[in-house]
Amino acid sequence: MATIPNCKPPSNGHPRSAADLQAARRAAVKRFEAIAFAHLPPGWRVYYRKRLSGYCDWKNRIVAPRPHSGKSLYIFLHECGHAHLHDASRCKPRHVEELEAEQWAHQKMREASVPVPRAMTQGAKHYAARMIGKALLRGAKHIDPEARRFAGRFITPSKHRTGA
């Protein structure tokens, strides 16, 4: 029985075999795919990309990585969040739409008992801060307080023009 070096043995004291690890990985992929497709809005199509980024367009398409890891599942769910929460009229500021999609993805992962990767939470805060920064550069008069709280220390006022 082949074992993986530096791999912690399960609680029964027996080392895990490579076959056990591969089976666990396949099971995780199936679970992540089931979670992802349970949240795909009816009538929407999915196109896969290799990069860990995605987008949702208003032709009922979601372009996202295959949901085979926690990070790729998070990105997939973020795009599903846009599809569920927002429509083509875009009556909300972009930074608010992004915050809502981030919160939606976090909530769906927690409901499925999938830990949200810390890097994804930090990336979400950076992304929200970047959207707020763009809004400020365009001269936005109001920034959503919840979005500002979420982005927190990642907002860099020195990059934005002020009213002075």
N, C-alpha and C. Protein backbone atom coordinates (compact mmCIF):
# COMPACT_ATOMS: atom_id res chain seq x y z
N MET A 1 0.85 -1.17 0.00
CA MET A 1 0.00 0.00 0.00
C MET A 1 0.89 1.23 0.00
N ALA A 2 0.73 2.08 -1.02
CA ALA A 2 1.53 3.30 -1.14
C ALA A 2 1.00 4.36 -0.19
N THR A 3 1.89 5.07 0.44
CA THR A 3 1.47 6.16 1.32
C THR A 3 2.10 7.45 0.83
N ILE A 4 1.51 8.54 1.21
CA ILE A 4 2.01 9.86 0.84
C ILE A 4 2.91 10.35 1.96
N PRO A 5 4.16 10.74 1.64
CA PRO A 5 5.05 11.24 2.69
C PRO A 5 4.50 12.52 3.32
N ASN A 6 4.78 12.71 4.58
CA ASN A 6 4.37 13.90 5.33
C ASN A 6 2.86 14.09 5.37
N CYS A 7 2.11 13.03 5.21
CA CYS A 7 0.66 13.10 5.27
C CYS A 7 0.21 12.57 6.62
N LYS A 8 -0.58 13.35 7.32
CA LYS A 8 -1.04 12.91 8.64
C LYS A 8 -1.93 11.69 8.50
N PRO A 9 -1.72 10.67 9.29
CA PRO A 9 -2.58 9.49 9.21
C PRO A 9 -3.96 9.81 9.77
N PRO A 10 -4.99 9.10 9.32
CA PRO A 10 -6.32 9.32 9.88
C PRO A 10 -6.35 8.91 11.35
N SER A 11 -7.44 9.20 12.00
CA SER A 11 -7.52 8.98 13.45
C SER A 11 -7.35 7.51 13.84
N ASN A 12 -7.59 6.57 12.93
CA ASN A 12 -7.43 5.17 13.30
C ASN A 12 -5.97 4.72 13.28
N GLY A 13 -5.05 5.63 12.92
CA GLY A 13 -3.63 5.33 12.97
C GLY A 13 -3.06 4.73 11.71
N HIS A 14 -3.89 4.34 10.75
CA HIS A 14 -3.40 3.77 9.51
C HIS A 14 -3.16 4.88 8.49
N PRO A 15 -2.03 4.83 7.82
CA PRO A 15 -1.77 5.87 6.81
C PRO A 15 -2.75 5.73 5.64
N ARG A 16 -3.06 6.86 5.03
CA ARG A 16 -3.97 6.85 3.88
C ARG A 16 -3.18 6.46 2.64
N SER A 17 -3.80 5.67 1.81
CA SER A 17 -3.15 5.27 0.56
C SER A 17 -3.40 6.34 -0.50
N ALA A 18 -2.62 6.29 -1.55
CA ALA A 18 -2.81 7.20 -2.67
C ALA A 18 -4.21 7.02 -3.25
N ALA A 19 -4.67 5.79 -3.31
CA ALA A 19 -6.01 5.52 -3.84
C ALA A 19 -7.08 6.16 -2.95
N ASP A 20 -6.88 6.11 -1.62
CA ASP A 20 -7.83 6.75 -0.70
C ASP A 20 -7.87 8.26 -0.92
N LEU A 21 -6.69 8.85 -1.09
CA LEU A 21 -6.62 10.29 -1.30
C LEU A 21 -7.26 10.69 -2.63
N GLN A 22 -7.03 9.89 -3.67
CA GLN A 22 -7.64 10.18 -4.97
C GLN A 22 -9.16 10.04 -4.90
N ALA A 23 -9.63 9.04 -4.18
CA ALA A 23 -11.07 8.85 -4.03
C ALA A 23 -11.70 10.02 -3.26
N ALA A 24 -11.00 10.49 -2.23
CA ALA A 24 -11.49 11.62 -1.45
C ALA A 24 -11.54 12.87 -2.32
N ARG A 25 -10.54 13.06 -3.15
CA ARG A 25 -10.49 14.23 -4.04
C ARG A 25 -11.65 14.17 -5.05
N ARG A 26 -11.88 12.99 -5.62
CA ARG A 26 -12.99 12.83 -6.58
C ARG A 26 -14.33 13.11 -5.90
N ALA A 27 -14.48 12.66 -4.67
CA ALA A 27 -15.72 12.91 -3.92
C ALA A 27 -15.90 14.41 -3.65
N ALA A 28 -14.80 15.08 -3.32
CA ALA A 28 -14.87 16.53 -3.07
C ALA A 28 -15.27 17.27 -4.34
N VAL A 29 -14.71 16.88 -5.47
CA VAL A 29 -15.04 17.52 -6.75
C VAL A 29 -16.52 17.33 -7.06
N LYS A 30 -17.03 16.12 -6.87
CA LYS A 30 -18.46 15.87 -7.12
C LYS A 30 -19.32 16.73 -6.20
N ARG A 31 -18.92 16.85 -4.95
CA ARG A 31 -19.68 17.65 -3.99
C ARG A 31 -19.67 19.12 -4.39
N PHE A 32 -18.48 19.64 -4.76
CA PHE A 32 -18.39 21.04 -5.17
C PHE A 32 -19.23 21.31 -6.41
N GLU A 33 -19.21 20.38 -7.37
CA GLU A 33 -20.01 20.56 -8.59
C GLU A 33 -21.50 20.54 -8.25
N ALA A 34 -21.91 19.65 -7.36
CA ALA A 34 -23.33 19.59 -6.97
C ALA A 34 -23.76 20.88 -6.29
N ILE A 35 -22.91 21.43 -5.43
CA ILE A 35 -23.22 22.69 -4.75
C ILE A 35 -23.35 23.80 -5.79
N ALA A 36 -22.41 23.85 -6.71
CA ALA A 36 -22.40 24.91 -7.73
C ALA A 36 -23.67 24.86 -8.57
N PHE A 37 -23.99 23.68 -9.08
CA PHE A 37 -25.13 23.59 -9.99
C PHE A 37 -26.47 23.68 -9.29
N ALA A 38 -26.48 23.47 -7.99
CA ALA A 38 -27.71 23.68 -7.23
C ALA A 38 -28.05 25.17 -7.16
N HIS A 39 -27.06 26.04 -7.38
CA HIS A 39 -27.27 27.48 -7.28
C HIS A 39 -27.26 28.18 -8.63
N LEU A 40 -27.13 27.42 -9.71
CA LEU A 40 -27.17 28.01 -11.04
C LEU A 40 -28.61 28.39 -11.35
N PRO A 41 -28.86 29.64 -11.71
CA PRO A 41 -30.25 30.04 -12.01
C PRO A 41 -30.81 29.26 -13.21
N PRO A 42 -32.08 28.95 -13.19
CA PRO A 42 -32.69 28.22 -14.31
C PRO A 42 -32.52 28.99 -15.62
N GLY A 43 -32.16 28.28 -16.66
CA GLY A 43 -32.01 28.89 -17.98
C GLY A 43 -30.65 29.51 -18.25
N TRP A 44 -29.78 29.52 -17.28
CA TRP A 44 -28.45 30.10 -17.47
C TRP A 44 -27.50 29.02 -17.96
N ARG A 45 -26.55 29.41 -18.79
CA ARG A 45 -25.53 28.50 -19.32
C ARG A 45 -24.19 28.80 -18.66
N VAL A 46 -23.36 27.78 -18.58
CA VAL A 46 -22.03 27.92 -17.96
C VAL A 46 -20.97 27.65 -19.02
N TYR A 47 -19.99 28.53 -19.05
CA TYR A 47 -18.81 28.34 -19.88
C TYR A 47 -17.61 28.34 -18.94
N TYR A 48 -16.77 27.33 -19.08
CA TYR A 48 -15.63 27.21 -18.17
C TYR A 48 -14.40 27.92 -18.71
N ARG A 49 -13.62 28.44 -17.78
CA ARG A 49 -12.34 29.04 -18.12
C ARG A 49 -11.30 28.48 -17.17
N LYS A 50 -10.04 28.55 -17.55
CA LYS A 50 -8.98 27.98 -16.72
C LYS A 50 -8.54 28.92 -15.62
N ARG A 51 -8.68 30.22 -15.83
CA ARG A 51 -8.25 31.20 -14.83
C ARG A 51 -9.18 31.22 -13.63
N LEU A 52 -8.65 31.62 -12.48
CA LEU A 52 -9.47 31.76 -11.27
C LEU A 52 -10.12 33.14 -11.25
N SER A 53 -10.94 33.38 -12.26
CA SER A 53 -11.74 34.59 -12.33
C SER A 53 -12.98 34.25 -13.14
N GLY A 54 -13.94 35.13 -13.10
CA GLY A 54 -15.16 34.85 -13.84
C GLY A 54 -15.94 36.11 -14.10
N TYR A 55 -17.02 35.94 -14.84
CA TYR A 55 -17.95 37.04 -15.05
C TYR A 55 -19.31 36.48 -15.40
N CYS A 56 -20.29 37.34 -15.24
CA CYS A 56 -21.67 37.00 -15.52
C CYS A 56 -22.13 38.04 -16.53
N ASP A 57 -22.71 37.61 -17.65
CA ASP A 57 -23.22 38.61 -18.57
C ASP A 57 -24.74 38.52 -18.61
N TRP A 58 -25.33 39.43 -19.30
CA TRP A 58 -26.78 39.51 -19.28
C TRP A 58 -27.40 38.79 -20.47
N LYS A 59 -26.65 37.85 -21.03
CA LYS A 59 -27.18 36.93 -22.03
C LYS A 59 -27.37 35.56 -21.37
N ASN A 60 -27.57 35.60 -20.06
CA ASN A 60 -27.76 34.39 -19.26
C ASN A 60 -26.59 33.43 -19.36
N ARG A 61 -25.39 33.99 -19.28
CA ARG A 61 -24.17 33.18 -19.29
C ARG A 61 -23.33 33.49 -18.08
N ILE A 62 -22.78 32.43 -17.51
CA ILE A 62 -21.80 32.56 -16.44
C ILE A 62 -20.50 31.96 -16.98
N VAL A 63 -19.45 32.73 -16.89
CA VAL A 63 -18.13 32.25 -17.29
C VAL A 63 -17.31 32.17 -16.01
N ALA A 64 -16.87 30.97 -15.66
CA ALA A 64 -16.18 30.77 -14.38
C ALA A 64 -15.33 29.50 -14.47
N PRO A 65 -14.40 29.34 -13.52
CA PRO A 65 -13.63 28.09 -13.51
C PRO A 65 -14.51 26.92 -13.08
N ARG A 66 -14.11 25.72 -13.47
CA ARG A 66 -14.82 24.53 -13.01
C ARG A 66 -14.77 24.51 -11.48
N PRO A 67 -15.87 24.25 -10.82
CA PRO A 67 -15.87 24.29 -9.33
C PRO A 67 -15.26 23.03 -8.73
N HIS A 68 -13.94 22.89 -8.85
CA HIS A 68 -13.26 21.68 -8.37
C HIS A 68 -12.46 21.91 -7.10
N SER A 69 -12.43 23.14 -6.60
CA SER A 69 -11.71 23.44 -5.36
C SER A 69 -12.53 24.50 -4.62
N GLY A 70 -12.14 24.77 -3.39
CA GLY A 70 -12.84 25.80 -2.63
C GLY A 70 -12.79 27.15 -3.31
N LYS A 71 -11.62 27.51 -3.86
CA LYS A 71 -11.48 28.80 -4.53
C LYS A 71 -12.33 28.88 -5.79
N SER A 72 -12.27 27.84 -6.62
CA SER A 72 -13.04 27.89 -7.86
C SER A 72 -14.54 27.81 -7.58
N LEU A 73 -14.95 27.10 -6.54
CA LEU A 73 -16.36 27.07 -6.16
C LEU A 73 -16.81 28.45 -5.72
N TYR A 74 -15.98 29.14 -4.96
CA TYR A 74 -16.31 30.48 -4.49
C TYR A 74 -16.53 31.43 -5.67
N ILE A 75 -15.65 31.37 -6.65
CA ILE A 75 -15.78 32.24 -7.82
C ILE A 75 -17.05 31.90 -8.59
N PHE A 76 -17.32 30.62 -8.77
CA PHE A 76 -18.53 30.18 -9.45
C PHE A 76 -19.76 30.72 -8.72
N LEU A 77 -19.80 30.56 -7.40
CA LEU A 77 -20.95 31.03 -6.62
C LEU A 77 -21.07 32.56 -6.65
N HIS A 78 -19.94 33.26 -6.68
CA HIS A 78 -19.97 34.72 -6.78
C HIS A 78 -20.71 35.13 -8.06
N GLU A 79 -20.38 34.48 -9.16
CA GLU A 79 -21.04 34.80 -10.43
C GLU A 79 -22.51 34.40 -10.40
N CYS A 80 -22.83 33.29 -9.76
CA CYS A 80 -24.25 32.91 -9.58
C CYS A 80 -24.97 33.97 -8.75
N GLY A 81 -24.28 34.53 -7.78
CA GLY A 81 -24.85 35.60 -6.96
C GLY A 81 -25.26 36.79 -7.81
N HIS A 82 -24.39 37.19 -8.74
CA HIS A 82 -24.76 38.28 -9.65
C HIS A 82 -26.02 37.92 -10.43
N ALA A 83 -26.06 36.69 -10.93
CA ALA A 83 -27.21 36.26 -11.73
C ALA A 83 -28.50 36.27 -10.91
N HIS A 84 -28.43 35.87 -9.65
CA HIS A 84 -29.62 35.84 -8.80
C HIS A 84 -30.03 37.23 -8.31
N LEU A 85 -29.05 38.08 -8.03
CA LEU A 85 -29.34 39.34 -7.33
C LEU A 85 -29.50 40.55 -8.24
N HIS A 86 -28.90 40.53 -9.41
CA HIS A 86 -28.83 41.75 -10.22
C HIS A 86 -29.39 41.52 -11.61
N ASP A 87 -29.90 42.58 -12.20
CA ASP A 87 -30.37 42.46 -13.58
C ASP A 87 -29.66 43.49 -14.44
N ALA A 88 -29.96 43.47 -15.71
CA ALA A 88 -29.23 44.30 -16.67
C ALA A 88 -29.46 45.79 -16.46
N SER A 89 -30.48 46.17 -15.72
CA SER A 89 -30.76 47.60 -15.54
C SER A 89 -29.69 48.28 -14.68
N ARG A 90 -29.00 47.50 -13.84
CA ARG A 90 -27.90 48.02 -13.00
C ARG A 90 -28.26 49.33 -12.31
N CYS A 91 -29.24 49.27 -11.48
CA CYS A 91 -29.64 50.48 -10.77
C CYS A 91 -28.82 50.69 -9.50
N LYS A 92 -27.94 49.76 -9.17
CA LYS A 92 -27.10 49.89 -7.97
C LYS A 92 -25.67 50.23 -8.39
N PRO A 93 -24.95 50.93 -7.52
CA PRO A 93 -23.53 51.17 -7.81
C PRO A 93 -22.77 49.84 -7.89
N ARG A 94 -21.75 49.82 -8.72
CA ARG A 94 -20.98 48.59 -8.94
C ARG A 94 -20.41 48.03 -7.64
N HIS A 95 -19.90 48.91 -6.76
CA HIS A 95 -19.30 48.40 -5.52
C HIS A 95 -20.35 47.71 -4.64
N VAL A 96 -21.61 48.15 -4.73
CA VAL A 96 -22.67 47.51 -3.96
C VAL A 96 -23.00 46.15 -4.58
N GLU A 97 -23.08 46.08 -5.91
CA GLU A 97 -23.33 44.80 -6.58
C GLU A 97 -22.25 43.77 -6.22
N GLU A 98 -21.00 44.21 -6.23
CA GLU A 98 -19.90 43.29 -5.92
C GLU A 98 -19.97 42.83 -4.46
N LEU A 99 -20.26 43.73 -3.55
CA LEU A 99 -20.39 43.36 -2.14
C LEU A 99 -21.50 42.33 -1.98
N GLU A 100 -22.63 42.56 -2.61
CA GLU A 100 -23.76 41.64 -2.48
C GLU A 100 -23.41 40.25 -3.04
N ALA A 101 -22.71 40.21 -4.17
CA ALA A 101 -22.32 38.92 -4.74
C ALA A 101 -21.31 38.21 -3.85
N GLU A 102 -20.39 38.96 -3.24
CA GLU A 102 -19.43 38.36 -2.31
C GLU A 102 -20.15 37.77 -1.11
N GLN A 103 -21.08 38.53 -0.54
CA GLN A 103 -21.82 38.05 0.63
C GLN A 103 -22.66 36.83 0.27
N TRP A 104 -23.24 36.83 -0.90
CA TRP A 104 -24.07 35.71 -1.35
C TRP A 104 -23.22 34.45 -1.47
N ALA A 105 -22.03 34.57 -2.08
CA ALA A 105 -21.14 33.41 -2.23
C ALA A 105 -20.69 32.89 -0.86
N HIS A 106 -20.32 33.80 0.05
CA HIS A 106 -19.94 33.39 1.40
C HIS A 106 -21.08 32.61 2.07
N GLN A 107 -22.29 33.15 1.97
CA GLN A 107 -23.44 32.53 2.62
C GLN A 107 -23.70 31.13 2.06
N LYS A 108 -23.67 30.98 0.75
CA LYS A 108 -23.95 29.68 0.14
C LYS A 108 -22.88 28.65 0.51
N MET A 109 -21.63 29.08 0.61
CA MET A 109 -20.58 28.14 1.02
C MET A 109 -20.76 27.73 2.47
N ARG A 110 -21.11 28.68 3.34
CA ARG A 110 -21.34 28.34 4.75
C ARG A 110 -22.53 27.40 4.89
N GLU A 111 -23.60 27.65 4.12
CA GLU A 111 -24.77 26.78 4.17
C GLU A 111 -24.42 25.35 3.77
N ALA A 112 -23.46 25.21 2.86
CA ALA A 112 -23.04 23.89 2.39
C ALA A 112 -21.92 23.31 3.25
N SER A 113 -21.56 24.00 4.33
CA SER A 113 -20.47 23.58 5.24
C SER A 113 -19.13 23.46 4.52
N VAL A 114 -18.90 24.36 3.59
CA VAL A 114 -17.61 24.42 2.89
C VAL A 114 -16.89 25.65 3.43
N PRO A 115 -15.70 25.48 4.00
CA PRO A 115 -14.98 26.65 4.51
C PRO A 115 -14.61 27.61 3.38
N VAL A 116 -14.80 28.89 3.62
CA VAL A 116 -14.42 29.90 2.64
C VAL A 116 -12.91 30.12 2.78
N PRO A 117 -12.16 29.91 1.70
CA PRO A 117 -10.72 30.12 1.80
C PRO A 117 -10.40 31.56 2.23
N ARG A 118 -9.51 31.69 3.19
CA ARG A 118 -9.14 33.02 3.70
C ARG A 118 -8.68 33.94 2.57
N ALA A 119 -7.95 33.37 1.62
CA ALA A 119 -7.46 34.18 0.50
C ALA A 119 -8.63 34.76 -0.29
N MET A 120 -9.72 34.04 -0.38
CA MET A 120 -10.88 34.54 -1.12
C MET A 120 -11.55 35.69 -0.37
N THR A 121 -11.62 35.59 0.95
CA THR A 121 -12.20 36.67 1.74
C THR A 121 -11.34 37.93 1.62
N GLN A 122 -10.03 37.76 1.71
CA GLN A 122 -9.13 38.92 1.57
C GLN A 122 -9.23 39.50 0.17
N GLY A 123 -9.29 38.63 -0.83
CA GLY A 123 -9.43 39.10 -2.21
C GLY A 123 -10.73 39.85 -2.41
N ALA A 124 -11.80 39.39 -1.77
CA ALA A 124 -13.09 40.06 -1.88
C ALA A 124 -13.01 41.46 -1.29
N LYS A 125 -12.31 41.61 -0.19
CA LYS A 125 -12.17 42.93 0.43
C LYS A 125 -11.34 43.86 -0.46
N HIS A 126 -10.27 43.33 -1.05
CA HIS A 126 -9.46 44.13 -1.97
C HIS A 126 -10.30 44.55 -3.18
N TYR A 127 -11.09 43.62 -3.70
CA TYR A 127 -11.90 43.90 -4.87
C TYR A 127 -12.94 44.97 -4.56
N ALA A 128 -13.61 44.85 -3.42
CA ALA A 128 -14.59 45.86 -3.01
C ALA A 128 -13.91 47.22 -2.87
N ALA A 129 -12.72 47.23 -2.28
CA ALA A 129 -11.98 48.49 -2.12
C ALA A 129 -11.64 49.09 -3.48
N ARG A 130 -11.25 48.23 -4.43
CA ARG A 130 -10.92 48.72 -5.77
C ARG A 130 -12.16 49.32 -6.45
N MET A 131 -13.32 48.68 -6.28
CA MET A 131 -14.55 49.21 -6.86
C MET A 131 -14.94 50.54 -6.21
N ILE A 132 -14.72 50.63 -4.90
CA ILE A 132 -14.99 51.90 -4.20
C ILE A 132 -14.03 52.97 -4.70
N GLY A 133 -12.76 52.62 -4.86
CA GLY A 133 -11.77 53.56 -5.38
C GLY A 133 -12.16 54.08 -6.76
N LYS A 134 -12.62 53.19 -7.63
CA LYS A 134 -13.05 53.61 -8.96
C LYS A 134 -14.24 54.56 -8.87
N ALA A 135 -15.17 54.25 -7.95
CA ALA A 135 -16.34 55.12 -7.77
C ALA A 135 -15.91 56.50 -7.30
N LEU A 136 -14.96 56.53 -6.38
CA LEU A 136 -14.47 57.82 -5.88
C LEU A 136 -13.76 58.61 -6.97
N LEU A 137 -12.98 57.92 -7.81
CA LEU A 137 -12.30 58.61 -8.91
C LEU A 137 -13.29 59.17 -9.92
N ARG A 138 -14.43 58.50 -10.08
CA ARG A 138 -15.46 59.01 -10.99
C ARG A 138 -16.26 60.14 -10.34
N GLY A 139 -15.98 60.42 -9.07
CA GLY A 139 -16.67 61.51 -8.40
C GLY A 139 -17.93 61.11 -7.66
N ALA A 140 -18.01 59.86 -7.23
CA ALA A 140 -19.20 59.40 -6.51
C ALA A 140 -19.44 60.26 -5.27
N LYS A 141 -20.67 60.62 -5.08
CA LYS A 141 -21.03 61.44 -3.92
C LYS A 141 -21.31 60.59 -2.69
N HIS A 142 -21.67 59.31 -2.91
CA HIS A 142 -22.05 58.44 -1.79
C HIS A 142 -21.45 57.06 -1.99
N ILE A 143 -20.81 56.57 -0.95
CA ILE A 143 -20.30 55.20 -0.92
C ILE A 143 -21.10 54.44 0.13
N ASP A 144 -21.62 53.31 -0.26
CA ASP A 144 -22.42 52.51 0.65
C ASP A 144 -21.64 52.22 1.94
N PRO A 145 -22.21 52.54 3.12
CA PRO A 145 -21.49 52.34 4.37
C PRO A 145 -21.11 50.88 4.63
N GLU A 146 -21.97 49.95 4.25
CA GLU A 146 -21.66 48.53 4.46
C GLU A 146 -20.49 48.10 3.57
N ALA A 147 -20.45 48.60 2.34
CA ALA A 147 -19.33 48.29 1.45
C ALA A 147 -18.04 48.89 1.99
N ARG A 148 -18.14 50.11 2.50
CA ARG A 148 -16.95 50.77 3.07
C ARG A 148 -16.43 49.99 4.29
N ARG A 149 -17.36 49.51 5.12
CA ARG A 149 -16.97 48.70 6.29
C ARG A 149 -16.32 47.40 5.87
N PHE A 150 -16.90 46.74 4.85
CA PHE A 150 -16.38 45.46 4.37
C PHE A 150 -14.96 45.64 3.81
N ALA A 151 -14.76 46.66 2.99
CA ALA A 151 -13.44 46.87 2.38
C ALA A 151 -12.44 47.39 3.40
N GLY A 152 -12.91 48.15 4.38
CA GLY A 152 -12.11 48.61 5.50
C GLY A 152 -10.76 49.20 5.14
N ARG A 153 -9.73 48.62 5.70
CA ARG A 153 -8.38 49.17 5.58
C ARG A 153 -7.80 49.08 4.18
N PHE A 154 -8.47 48.37 3.28
CA PHE A 154 -7.93 48.23 1.93
C PHE A 154 -8.25 49.43 1.04
N ILE A 155 -9.14 50.30 1.51
CA ILE A 155 -9.42 51.53 0.76
C ILE A 155 -8.27 52.48 0.99
N THR A 156 -7.71 52.98 -0.08
CA THR A 156 -6.56 53.89 0.04
C THR A 156 -6.97 55.27 -0.45
N PRO A 157 -7.35 56.15 0.47
CA PRO A 157 -7.83 57.47 0.08
C PRO A 157 -6.82 58.29 -0.71
N SER A 158 -5.54 58.06 -0.55
CA SER A 158 -4.53 58.86 -1.23
C SER A 158 -4.62 58.73 -2.74
N LYS A 159 -5.22 57.66 -3.23
CA LYS A 159 -5.34 57.45 -4.68
C LYS A 159 -6.57 58.15 -5.26
N HIS A 160 -7.41 58.70 -4.40
CA HIS A 160 -8.66 59.27 -4.86
C HIS A 160 -8.60 60.78 -4.76
N ARG A 161 -9.21 61.42 -5.71
CA ARG A 161 -9.25 62.89 -5.63
C ARG A 161 -10.25 63.29 -4.54
N THR A 162 -9.97 64.37 -3.93
CA THR A 162 -10.86 64.84 -2.87
C THR A 162 -11.61 66.07 -3.35
N GLY A 163 -12.57 66.51 -2.58
CA GLY A 163 -13.36 67.68 -2.94
C GLY A 163 -12.58 68.98 -2.81
N ALA A 164 -11.39 68.95 -2.26
CA ALA A 164 -10.63 70.19 -2.02
C ALA A 164 -9.90 70.66 -3.25
